[in-house]
Amino acid sequence: MDVIYTLIPVMILIGLILVGLLIWSVKRGQYDDLEGDGHRILMDDDDPQPLNNKKETRSWPDADDHD
């Protein structure tokens, strides 16, 4: 039962820290644009195609060719 005298102040301290972090993040603008990320995913611009579409080919010896 003695541990409760330690846990209650610790939980109050953690709660105050979390409330402080929430207030700090709201003041810094973390929650200003809640719909922007969703719209950016839907309206994703495709990258332009590269001008040179040639594939690089290498001549590899066939696996069936054995000495």
PDB file of N, CA and C in Angstrom:
ATOM      1  N   MET A   1       0.814  -1.192   0.000  1.00  0.00           N
ATOM      2  CA  MET A   1       0.000   0.000   0.000  1.00  0.00           C
ATOM      3  C   MET A   1       0.863   1.265   0.000  1.00  0.00           C
ATOM      4  N   ASP A   2       2.108   1.118   0.405  1.00  0.00           N
ATOM      5  CA  ASP A   2       2.993   2.283   0.417  1.00  0.00           C
ATOM      6  C   ASP A   2       3.365   2.731  -0.996  1.00  0.00           C
ATOM      7  N   VAL A   3       3.298   1.799  -1.954  1.00  0.00           N
ATOM      8  CA  VAL A   3       3.678   2.143  -3.315  1.00  0.00           C
ATOM      9  C   VAL A   3       2.695   3.131  -3.940  1.00  0.00           C
ATOM     10  N   ILE A   4       1.472   3.154  -3.464  1.00  0.00           N
ATOM     11  CA  ILE A   4       0.474   4.077  -4.009  1.00  0.00           C
ATOM     12  C   ILE A   4       0.850   5.527  -3.735  1.00  0.00           C
ATOM     13  N   TYR A   5       1.563   5.767  -2.660  1.00  0.00           N
ATOM     14  CA  TYR A   5       1.996   7.129  -2.346  1.00  0.00           C
ATOM     15  C   TYR A   5       3.088   7.601  -3.311  1.00  0.00           C
ATOM     16  N   THR A   6       3.725   6.674  -3.960  1.00  0.00           N
ATOM     17  CA  THR A   6       4.718   7.017  -4.976  1.00  0.00           C
ATOM     18  C   THR A   6       4.078   7.078  -6.361  1.00  0.00           C
ATOM     19  N   LEU A   7       3.159   6.148  -6.636  1.00  0.00           N
ATOM     20  CA  LEU A   7       2.570   6.073  -7.966  1.00  0.00           C
ATOM     21  C   LEU A   7       1.671   7.259  -8.290  1.00  0.00           C
ATOM     22  N   ILE A   8       0.909   7.730  -7.332  1.00  0.00           N
ATOM     23  CA  ILE A   8      -0.004   8.847  -7.601  1.00  0.00           C
ATOM     24  C   ILE A   8       0.754  10.114  -8.006  1.00  0.00           C
ATOM     25  N   PRO A   9       1.780  10.554  -7.286  1.00  0.00           N
ATOM     26  CA  PRO A   9       2.518  11.745  -7.751  1.00  0.00           C
ATOM     27  C   PRO A   9       3.230  11.521  -9.087  1.00  0.00           C
ATOM     28  N   VAL A  10       3.733  10.310  -9.307  1.00  0.00           N
ATOM     29  CA  VAL A  10       4.406  10.030 -10.579  1.00  0.00           C
ATOM     30  C   VAL A  10       3.410  10.120 -11.727  1.00  0.00           C
ATOM     31  N   MET A  11       2.216   9.569 -11.562  1.00  0.00           N
ATOM     32  CA  MET A  11       1.201   9.623 -12.611  1.00  0.00           C
ATOM     33  C   MET A  11       0.711  11.051 -12.843  1.00  0.00           C
ATOM     34  N   ILE A  12       0.597  11.823 -11.793  1.00  0.00           N
ATOM     35  CA  ILE A  12       0.215  13.232 -11.948  1.00  0.00           C
ATOM     36  C   ILE A  12       1.300  13.983 -12.711  1.00  0.00           C
ATOM     37  N   LEU A  13       2.557  13.718 -12.402  1.00  0.00           N
ATOM     38  CA  LEU A  13       3.667  14.364 -13.105  1.00  0.00           C
ATOM     39  C   LEU A  13       3.677  13.978 -14.583  1.00  0.00           C
ATOM     40  N   ILE A  14       3.499  12.705 -14.878  1.00  0.00           N
ATOM     41  CA  ILE A  14       3.466  12.257 -16.275  1.00  0.00           C
ATOM     42  C   ILE A  14       2.285  12.890 -17.006  1.00  0.00           C
ATOM     43  N   GLY A  15       1.132  12.968 -16.347  1.00  0.00           N
ATOM     44  CA  GLY A  15      -0.036  13.614 -16.952  1.00  0.00           C
ATOM     45  C   GLY A  15       0.210  15.076 -17.252  1.00  0.00           C
ATOM     46  N   LEU A  16       0.850  15.785 -16.332  1.00  0.00           N
ATOM     47  CA  LEU A  16       1.158  17.198 -16.560  1.00  0.00           C
ATOM     48  C   LEU A  16       2.152  17.379 -17.703  1.00  0.00           C
ATOM     49  N   ILE A  17       3.118  16.481 -17.792  1.00  0.00           N
ATOM     50  CA  ILE A  17       4.083  16.547 -18.894  1.00  0.00           C
ATOM     51  C   ILE A  17       3.377  16.329 -20.227  1.00  0.00           C
ATOM     52  N   LEU A  18       2.465  15.355 -20.283  1.00  0.00           N
ATOM     53  CA  LEU A  18       1.743  15.088 -21.528  1.00  0.00           C
ATOM     54  C   LEU A  18       0.828  16.247 -21.913  1.00  0.00           C
ATOM     55  N   VAL A  19       0.174  16.853 -20.947  1.00  0.00           N
ATOM     56  CA  VAL A  19      -0.662  18.024 -21.236  1.00  0.00           C
ATOM     57  C   VAL A  19       0.213  19.172 -21.730  1.00  0.00           C
ATOM     58  N   GLY A  20       1.369  19.351 -21.129  1.00  0.00           N
ATOM     59  CA  GLY A  20       2.298  20.385 -21.584  1.00  0.00           C
ATOM     60  C   GLY A  20       2.774  20.140 -23.006  1.00  0.00           C
ATOM     61  N   LEU A  21       3.058  18.893 -23.342  1.00  0.00           N
ATOM     62  CA  LEU A  21       3.464  18.571 -24.712  1.00  0.00           C
ATOM     63  C   LEU A  21       2.332  18.805 -25.706  1.00  0.00           C
ATOM     64  N   LEU A  22       1.110  18.505 -25.313  1.00  0.00           N
ATOM     65  CA  LEU A  22      -0.037  18.761 -26.179  1.00  0.00           C
ATOM     66  C   LEU A  22      -0.205  20.252 -26.431  1.00  0.00           C
ATOM     67  N   ILE A  23      -0.130  21.048 -25.386  1.00  0.00           N
ATOM     68  CA  ILE A  23      -0.252  22.502 -25.544  1.00  0.00           C
ATOM     69  C   ILE A  23       0.884  23.042 -26.403  1.00  0.00           C
ATOM     70  N   TRP A  24       2.087  22.551 -26.190  1.00  0.00           N
ATOM     71  CA  TRP A  24       3.241  22.988 -26.984  1.00  0.00           C
ATOM     72  C   TRP A  24       3.048  22.656 -28.462  1.00  0.00           C
ATOM     73  N   SER A  25       2.542  21.448 -28.759  1.00  0.00           N
ATOM     74  CA  SER A  25       2.373  21.058 -30.156  1.00  0.00           C
ATOM     75  C   SER A  25       1.256  21.845 -30.832  1.00  0.00           C
ATOM     76  N   VAL A  26       0.210  22.194 -30.091  1.00  0.00           N
ATOM     77  CA  VAL A  26      -0.865  23.004 -30.668  1.00  0.00           C
ATOM     78  C   VAL A  26      -0.352  24.407 -30.972  1.00  0.00           C
ATOM     79  N   LYS A  27       0.445  24.974 -30.078  1.00  0.00           N
ATOM     80  CA  LYS A  27       0.994  26.312 -30.308  1.00  0.00           C
ATOM     81  C   LYS A  27       1.991  26.330 -31.460  1.00  0.00           C
ATOM     82  N   ARG A  28       2.671  25.222 -31.700  1.00  0.00           N
ATOM     83  CA  ARG A  28       3.654  25.156 -32.787  1.00  0.00           C
ATOM     84  C   ARG A  28       3.015  24.868 -34.137  1.00  0.00           C
ATOM     85  N   GLY A  29       1.698  24.615 -34.166  1.00  0.00           N
ATOM     86  CA  GLY A  29       1.001  24.439 -35.437  1.00  0.00           C
ATOM     87  C   GLY A  29       0.954  23.015 -35.946  1.00  0.00           C
ATOM     88  N   GLN A  30       1.117  22.041 -35.091  1.00  0.00           N
ATOM     89  CA  GLN A  30       1.102  20.650 -35.533  1.00  0.00           C
ATOM     90  C   GLN A  30      -0.280  20.211 -36.012  1.00  0.00           C
ATOM     91  N   TYR A  31      -1.330  20.848 -35.534  1.00  0.00           N
ATOM     92  CA  TYR A  31      -2.692  20.435 -35.863  1.00  0.00           C
ATOM     93  C   TYR A  31      -3.411  21.467 -36.725  1.00  0.00           C
ATOM     94  N   ASP A  32      -2.685  22.334 -37.416  1.00  0.00           N
ATOM     95  CA  ASP A  32      -3.321  23.369 -38.225  1.00  0.00           C
ATOM     96  C   ASP A  32      -3.979  22.809 -39.480  1.00  0.00           C
ATOM     97  N   ASP A  33      -3.319  21.899 -40.174  1.00  0.00           N
ATOM     98  CA  ASP A  33      -3.820  21.380 -41.446  1.00  0.00           C
ATOM     99  C   ASP A  33      -4.053  19.882 -41.318  1.00  0.00           C
ATOM    100  N   LEU A  34      -5.239  19.511 -40.862  1.00  0.00           N
ATOM    101  CA  LEU A  34      -5.525  18.094 -40.645  1.00  0.00           C
ATOM    102  C   LEU A  34      -5.896  17.371 -41.934  1.00  0.00           C
ATOM    103  N   GLU A  35      -6.435  18.086 -42.930  1.00  0.00           N
ATOM    104  CA  GLU A  35      -6.878  17.443 -44.161  1.00  0.00           C
ATOM    105  C   GLU A  35      -5.847  17.527 -45.273  1.00  0.00           C
ATOM    106  N   GLY A  36      -4.806  18.303 -45.096  1.00  0.00           N
ATOM    107  CA  GLY A  36      -3.824  18.502 -46.164  1.00  0.00           C
ATOM    108  C   GLY A  36      -3.111  17.237 -46.579  1.00  0.00           C
ATOM    109  N   ASP A  37      -2.704  16.411 -45.628  1.00  0.00           N
ATOM    110  CA  ASP A  37      -1.998  15.179 -45.971  1.00  0.00           C
ATOM    111  C   ASP A  37      -2.882  14.233 -46.762  1.00  0.00           C
ATOM    112  N   GLY A  38      -4.143  14.138 -46.403  1.00  0.00           N
ATOM    113  CA  GLY A  38      -5.062  13.273 -47.142  1.00  0.00           C
ATOM    114  C   GLY A  38      -5.263  13.745 -48.567  1.00  0.00           C
ATOM    115  N   HIS A  39      -5.353  15.050 -48.765  1.00  0.00           N
ATOM    116  CA  HIS A  39      -5.513  15.580 -50.115  1.00  0.00           C
ATOM    117  C   HIS A  39      -4.232  15.423 -50.927  1.00  0.00           C
ATOM    118  N   ARG A  40      -3.090  15.553 -50.293  1.00  0.00           N
ATOM    119  CA  ARG A  40      -1.829  15.391 -51.012  1.00  0.00           C
ATOM    120  C   ARG A  40      -1.642  13.967 -51.507  1.00  0.00           C
ATOM    121  N   ILE A  41      -2.146  12.993 -50.761  1.00  0.00           N
ATOM    122  CA  ILE A  41      -2.042  11.607 -51.209  1.00  0.00           C
ATOM    123  C   ILE A  41      -2.905  11.390 -52.442  1.00  0.00           C
ATOM    124  N   LEU A  42      -4.120  11.944 -52.441  1.00  0.00           N
ATOM    125  CA  LEU A  42      -5.033  11.749 -53.559  1.00  0.00           C
ATOM    126  C   LEU A  42      -4.602  12.524 -54.791  1.00  0.00           C
ATOM    127  N   MET A  43      -4.027  13.684 -54.620  1.00  0.00           N
ATOM    128  CA  MET A  43      -3.631  14.538 -55.738  1.00  0.00           C
ATOM    129  C   MET A  43      -2.134  14.446 -55.997  1.00  0.00           C
ATOM    130  N   ASP A  44      -1.595  13.262 -55.921  1.00  0.00           N
ATOM    131  CA  ASP A  44      -0.162  13.053 -56.090  1.00  0.00           C
ATOM    132  C   ASP A  44       0.232  13.292 -57.541  1.00  0.00           C
ATOM    133  N   ASP A  45       1.189  14.168 -57.762  1.00  0.00           N
ATOM    134  CA  ASP A  45       1.692  14.422 -59.106  1.00  0.00           C
ATOM    135  C   ASP A  45       2.705  13.348 -59.462  1.00  0.00           C
ATOM    136  N   ASP A  46       2.552  12.805 -60.666  1.00  0.00           N
ATOM    137  CA  ASP A  46       3.497  11.795 -61.118  1.00  0.00           C
ATOM    138  C   ASP A  46       4.794  12.459 -61.552  1.00  0.00           C
ATOM    139  N   ASP A  47       5.882  11.762 -61.361  1.00  0.00           N
ATOM    140  CA  ASP A  47       7.168  12.257 -61.827  1.00  0.00           C
ATOM    141  C   ASP A  47       7.217  12.157 -63.346  1.00  0.00           C
ATOM    142  N   PRO A  48       7.852  13.120 -64.007  1.00  0.00           N
ATOM    143  CA  PRO A  48       7.955  13.026 -65.465  1.00  0.00           C
ATOM    144  C   PRO A  48       8.813  11.832 -65.864  1.00  0.00           C
ATOM    145  N   GLN A  49       8.496  11.272 -67.018  1.00  0.00           N
ATOM    146  CA  GLN A  49       9.241  10.126 -67.521  1.00  0.00           C
ATOM    147  C   GLN A  49      10.646  10.568 -67.926  1.00  0.00           C
ATOM    148  N   PRO A  50      11.635   9.745 -67.675  1.00  0.00           N
ATOM    149  CA  PRO A  50      12.995  10.090 -68.116  1.00  0.00           C
ATOM    150  C   PRO A  50      13.073  10.095 -69.640  1.00  0.00           C
ATOM    151  N   LEU A  51      13.967  10.911 -70.176  1.00  0.00           N
ATOM    152  CA  LEU A  51      14.090  11.040 -71.625  1.00  0.00           C
ATOM    153  C   LEU A  51      14.661   9.788 -72.267  1.00  0.00           C
ATOM    154  N   ASN A  52      15.553   9.115 -71.595  1.00  0.00           N
ATOM    155  CA  ASN A  52      16.196   7.936 -72.152  1.00  0.00           C
ATOM    156  C   ASN A  52      15.583   6.702 -71.495  1.00  0.00           C
ATOM    157  N   ASN A  53      14.775   5.963 -72.248  1.00  0.00           N
ATOM    158  CA  ASN A  53      14.095   4.796 -71.704  1.00  0.00           C
ATOM    159  C   ASN A  53      14.793   3.493 -72.073  1.00  0.00           C
ATOM    160  N   LYS A  54      16.023   3.573 -72.559  1.00  0.00           N
ATOM    161  CA  LYS A  54      16.736   2.356 -72.948  1.00  0.00           C
ATOM    162  C   LYS A  54      17.137   1.576 -71.704  1.00  0.00           C
ATOM    163  N   LYS A  55      16.968   0.277 -71.792  1.00  0.00           N
ATOM    164  CA  LYS A  55      17.406  -0.573 -70.693  1.00  0.00           C
ATOM    165  C   LYS A  55      18.866  -0.952 -70.906  1.00  0.00           C
ATOM    166  N   GLU A  56      19.580  -1.015 -69.844  1.00  0.00           N
ATOM    167  CA  GLU A  56      20.973  -1.426 -69.916  1.00  0.00           C
ATOM    168  C   GLU A  56      21.009  -2.945 -70.002  1.00  0.00           C
ATOM    169  N   THR A  57      21.635  -3.440 -71.053  1.00  0.00           N
ATOM    170  CA  THR A  57      21.701  -4.892 -71.228  1.00  0.00           C
ATOM    171  C   THR A  57      23.136  -5.344 -71.038  1.00  0.00           C
ATOM    172  N   ARG A  58      23.272  -6.474 -70.455  1.00  0.00           N
ATOM    173  CA  ARG A  58      24.585  -7.073 -70.247  1.00  0.00           C
ATOM    174  C   ARG A  58      24.545  -8.472 -70.833  1.00  0.00           C
ATOM    175  N   SER A  59      25.647  -8.882 -71.356  1.00  0.00           N
ATOM    176  CA  SER A  59      25.697 -10.246 -71.890  1.00  0.00           C
ATOM    177  C   SER A  59      26.255 -11.154 -70.808  1.00  0.00           C
ATOM    178  N   TRP A  60      25.403 -11.993 -70.278  1.00  0.00           N
ATOM    179  CA  TRP A  60      25.783 -12.940 -69.258  1.00  0.00           C
ATOM    180  C   TRP A  60      25.918 -14.309 -69.907  1.00  0.00           C
ATOM    181  N   PRO A  61      26.900 -15.073 -69.514  1.00  0.00           N
ATOM    182  CA  PRO A  61      26.992 -16.429 -70.061  1.00  0.00           C
ATOM    183  C   PRO A  61      25.801 -17.256 -69.585  1.00  0.00           C
ATOM    184  N   ASP A  62      25.343 -18.101 -70.479  1.00  0.00           N
ATOM    185  CA  ASP A  62      24.199 -18.944 -70.126  1.00  0.00           C
ATOM    186  C   ASP A  62      24.587 -19.926 -69.038  1.00  0.00           C
ATOM    187  N   ALA A  63      23.631 -20.299 -68.253  1.00  0.00           N
ATOM    188  CA  ALA A  63      23.883 -21.237 -67.162  1.00  0.00           C
ATOM    189  C   ALA A  63      24.147 -22.642 -67.686  1.00  0.00           C
ATOM    190  N   ASP A  64      23.714 -22.927 -68.943  1.00  0.00           N
ATOM    191  CA  ASP A  64      23.886 -24.265 -69.506  1.00  0.00           C
ATOM    192  C   ASP A  64      25.277 -24.475 -70.095  1.00  0.00           C
ATOM    193  N   ASP A  65      26.029 -23.407 -70.295  1.00  0.00           N
ATOM    194  CA  ASP A  65      27.365 -23.539 -70.881  1.00  0.00           C
ATOM    195  C   ASP A  65      28.365 -23.905 -69.797  1.00  0.00           C
ATOM    196  N   HIS A  66      28.844 -25.140 -69.858  1.00  0.00           N
ATOM    197  CA  HIS A  66      29.850 -25.596 -68.905  1.00  0.00           C
ATOM    198  C   HIS A  66      31.057 -26.099 -69.674  1.00  0.00           C
ATOM    199  N   ASP A  67      32.221 -25.966 -69.107  1.00  0.00           N
ATOM    200  CA  ASP A  67      33.448 -26.451 -69.755  1.00  0.00           C
ATOM    201  C   ASP A  67      33.534 -27.939 -69.664  1.00  0.00           C
TER     202      ASP A  67
END
